[in-house]
């Protein structure tokens, strides 16, 4: 019997974690675009830079995480295949 909450068991799957990470990256990039276009002055510039840095950090983390996952026997073929398999 698996131990853990329903959410933790779902996040144990690499494909689910990848989808969550990519969704966070999309939200971060959208935040960068919105703050860069609609927030005026230095606050907009700083917010845009912060959102871009957040998105870049997630991208690097996902890249390293996928390299580590390639050594396992899981059949992960990328986030687009994960989306197509779930739709």
C-alpha atoms as a PDB file:
ATOM      1  CA  UNK A   1       0.000   0.000   0.000  1.00  0.00           C
ATOM      2  CA  UNK A   2       1.540   3.360  -1.010  1.00  0.00           C
ATOM      3  CA  UNK A   3       2.169   5.820   1.786  1.00  0.00           C
ATOM      4  CA  UNK A   4       1.421   9.523   1.360  1.00  0.00           C
ATOM      5  CA  UNK A   5      -1.344  11.871   0.419  1.00  0.00           C
ATOM      6  CA  UNK A   6      -3.084  11.680  -2.934  1.00  0.00           C
ATOM      7  CA  UNK A   7      -1.223  14.791  -4.140  1.00  0.00           C
ATOM      8  CA  UNK A   8       2.186  13.496  -3.081  1.00  0.00           C
ATOM      9  CA  UNK A   9       1.524  10.221  -4.869  1.00  0.00           C
ATOM     10  CA  UNK A  10       0.557  12.087  -8.046  1.00  0.00           C
ATOM     11  CA  UNK A  11       3.679  14.264  -7.837  1.00  0.00           C
ATOM     12  CA  UNK A  12       5.819  11.145  -7.520  1.00  0.00           C
ATOM     13  CA  UNK A  13       5.249  10.694 -11.266  1.00  0.00           C
ATOM     14  CA  UNK A  14       7.882  12.631 -13.217  1.00  0.00           C
ATOM     15  CA  UNK A  15       5.414  13.590 -15.960  1.00  0.00           C
ATOM     16  CA  UNK A  16       3.082  15.242 -13.450  1.00  0.00           C
ATOM     17  CA  UNK A  17       5.968  17.167 -11.878  1.00  0.00           C
ATOM     18  CA  UNK A  18       7.071  18.261 -15.329  1.00  0.00           C
ATOM     19  CA  UNK A  19       3.599  19.546 -16.183  1.00  0.00           C
ATOM     20  CA  UNK A  20       3.438  21.500 -12.912  1.00  0.00           C
ATOM     21  CA  UNK A  21       6.877  23.015 -13.511  1.00  0.00           C
ATOM     22  CA  UNK A  22       6.004  24.020 -17.062  1.00  0.00           C
ATOM     23  CA  UNK A  23       2.734  25.566 -15.887  1.00  0.00           C
ATOM     24  CA  UNK A  24       4.651  27.630 -13.302  1.00  0.00           C
ATOM     25  CA  UNK A  25       7.100  28.708 -16.019  1.00  0.00           C
ATOM     26  CA  UNK A  26       4.207  29.823 -18.241  1.00  0.00           C
ATOM     27  CA  UNK A  27       2.670  31.829 -15.391  1.00  0.00           C
ATOM     28  CA  UNK A  28       6.046  33.402 -14.569  1.00  0.00           C
ATOM     29  CA  UNK A  29       6.677  34.394 -18.172  1.00  0.00           C
ATOM     30  CA  UNK A  30       3.161  35.783 -18.530  1.00  0.00           C
ATOM     31  CA  UNK A  31       3.788  37.812 -15.359  1.00  0.00           C
ATOM     32  CA  UNK A  32       6.981  39.176 -16.902  1.00  0.00           C
ATOM     33  CA  UNK A  33       5.177  40.236 -20.064  1.00  0.00           C
ATOM     34  CA  UNK A  34       2.278  41.818 -18.183  1.00  0.00           C
ATOM     35  CA  UNK A  35       4.480  43.671 -15.706  1.00  0.00           C
ATOM     36  CA  UNK A  36       6.824  44.809 -18.484  1.00  0.00           C
ATOM     37  CA  UNK A  37       4.004  46.195 -20.592  1.00  0.00           C
ATOM     38  CA  UNK A  38       1.551  47.550 -18.042  1.00  0.00           C
ATOM     39  CA  UNK A  39       3.465  48.508 -14.889  1.00  0.00           C
ATOM     40  CA  UNK A  40       5.188  51.856 -15.249  1.00  0.00           C
ATOM     41  CA  UNK A  41       8.572  53.039 -14.074  1.00  0.00           C
ATOM     42  CA  UNK A  42      11.232  51.169 -12.170  1.00  0.00           C
ATOM     43  CA  UNK A  43       8.694  48.962 -10.431  1.00  0.00           C
ATOM     44  CA  UNK A  44       7.670  47.516 -13.815  1.00  0.00           C
ATOM     45  CA  UNK A  45      11.270  46.985 -14.861  1.00  0.00           C
ATOM     46  CA  UNK A  46      12.214  45.321 -11.586  1.00  0.00           C
ATOM     47  CA  UNK A  47       9.069  43.158 -11.603  1.00  0.00           C
ATOM     48  CA  UNK A  48       9.736  42.061 -15.172  1.00  0.00           C
ATOM     49  CA  UNK A  49      13.341  41.152 -14.320  1.00  0.00           C
ATOM     50  CA  UNK A  50      12.212  39.232 -11.231  1.00  0.00           C
ATOM     51  CA  UNK A  51       9.627  37.239 -13.195  1.00  0.00           C
ATOM     52  CA  UNK A  52      12.160  36.464 -15.935  1.00  0.00           C
ATOM     53  CA  UNK A  53      14.719  35.328 -13.345  1.00  0.00           C
ATOM     54  CA  UNK A  54      12.090  33.135 -11.659  1.00  0.00           C
ATOM     55  CA  UNK A  55      11.164  31.567 -15.002  1.00  0.00           C
ATOM     56  CA  UNK A  56      14.819  31.024 -15.923  1.00  0.00           C
ATOM     57  CA  UNK A  57      15.473  29.355 -12.569  1.00  0.00           C
ATOM     58  CA  UNK A  58      12.566  26.988 -13.104  1.00  0.00           C
ATOM     59  CA  UNK A  59      13.791  26.248 -16.619  1.00  0.00           C
ATOM     60  CA  UNK A  60      17.275  25.357 -15.358  1.00  0.00           C
ATOM     61  CA  UNK A  61      15.808  23.229 -12.565  1.00  0.00           C
ATOM     62  CA  UNK A  62      13.563  21.370 -15.018  1.00  0.00           C
ATOM     63  CA  UNK A  63      16.491  20.786 -17.375  1.00  0.00           C
ATOM     64  CA  UNK A  64      18.659  19.328 -14.617  1.00  0.00           C
ATOM     65  CA  UNK A  65      15.741  17.279 -13.316  1.00  0.00           C
ATOM     66  CA  UNK A  66      15.069  15.828 -16.785  1.00  0.00           C
ATOM     67  CA  UNK A  67      18.728  14.896 -17.209  1.00  0.00           C
ATOM     68  CA  UNK A  68      18.556  12.980 -13.930  1.00  0.00           C
ATOM     69  CA  UNK A  69      15.330  11.295 -14.991  1.00  0.00           C
ATOM     70  CA  UNK A  70      16.842  10.058 -18.264  1.00  0.00           C
ATOM     71  CA  UNK A  71      18.969   7.599 -16.274  1.00  0.00           C
ATOM     72  CA  UNK A  72      15.833   5.874 -14.961  1.00  0.00           C
ATOM     73  CA  UNK A  73      13.585   3.414 -16.755  1.00  0.00           C
ATOM     74  CA  UNK A  74      10.631   5.808 -16.962  1.00  0.00           C
ATOM     75  CA  UNK A  75       9.174   6.473 -20.392  1.00  0.00           C
ATOM     76  CA  UNK A  76       9.127  10.279 -20.207  1.00  0.00           C
ATOM     77  CA  UNK A  77       9.305  11.758 -23.722  1.00  0.00           C
ATOM     78  CA  UNK A  78       8.845  15.444 -23.001  1.00  0.00           C
ATOM     79  CA  UNK A  79       6.103  17.715 -21.781  1.00  0.00           C
ATOM     80  CA  UNK A  80       4.266  17.838 -25.123  1.00  0.00           C
ATOM     81  CA  UNK A  81       3.920  14.045 -25.189  1.00  0.00           C
ATOM     82  CA  UNK A  82       2.708  14.155 -21.571  1.00  0.00           C
ATOM     83  CA  UNK A  83      -0.002  16.645 -22.509  1.00  0.00           C
ATOM     84  CA  UNK A  84      -1.051  14.587 -25.536  1.00  0.00           C
ATOM     85  CA  UNK A  85      -1.187  11.397 -23.427  1.00  0.00           C
ATOM     86  CA  UNK A  86      -3.447  13.087 -20.868  1.00  0.00           C
ATOM     87  CA  UNK A  87      -5.861  14.679 -23.349  1.00  0.00           C
END
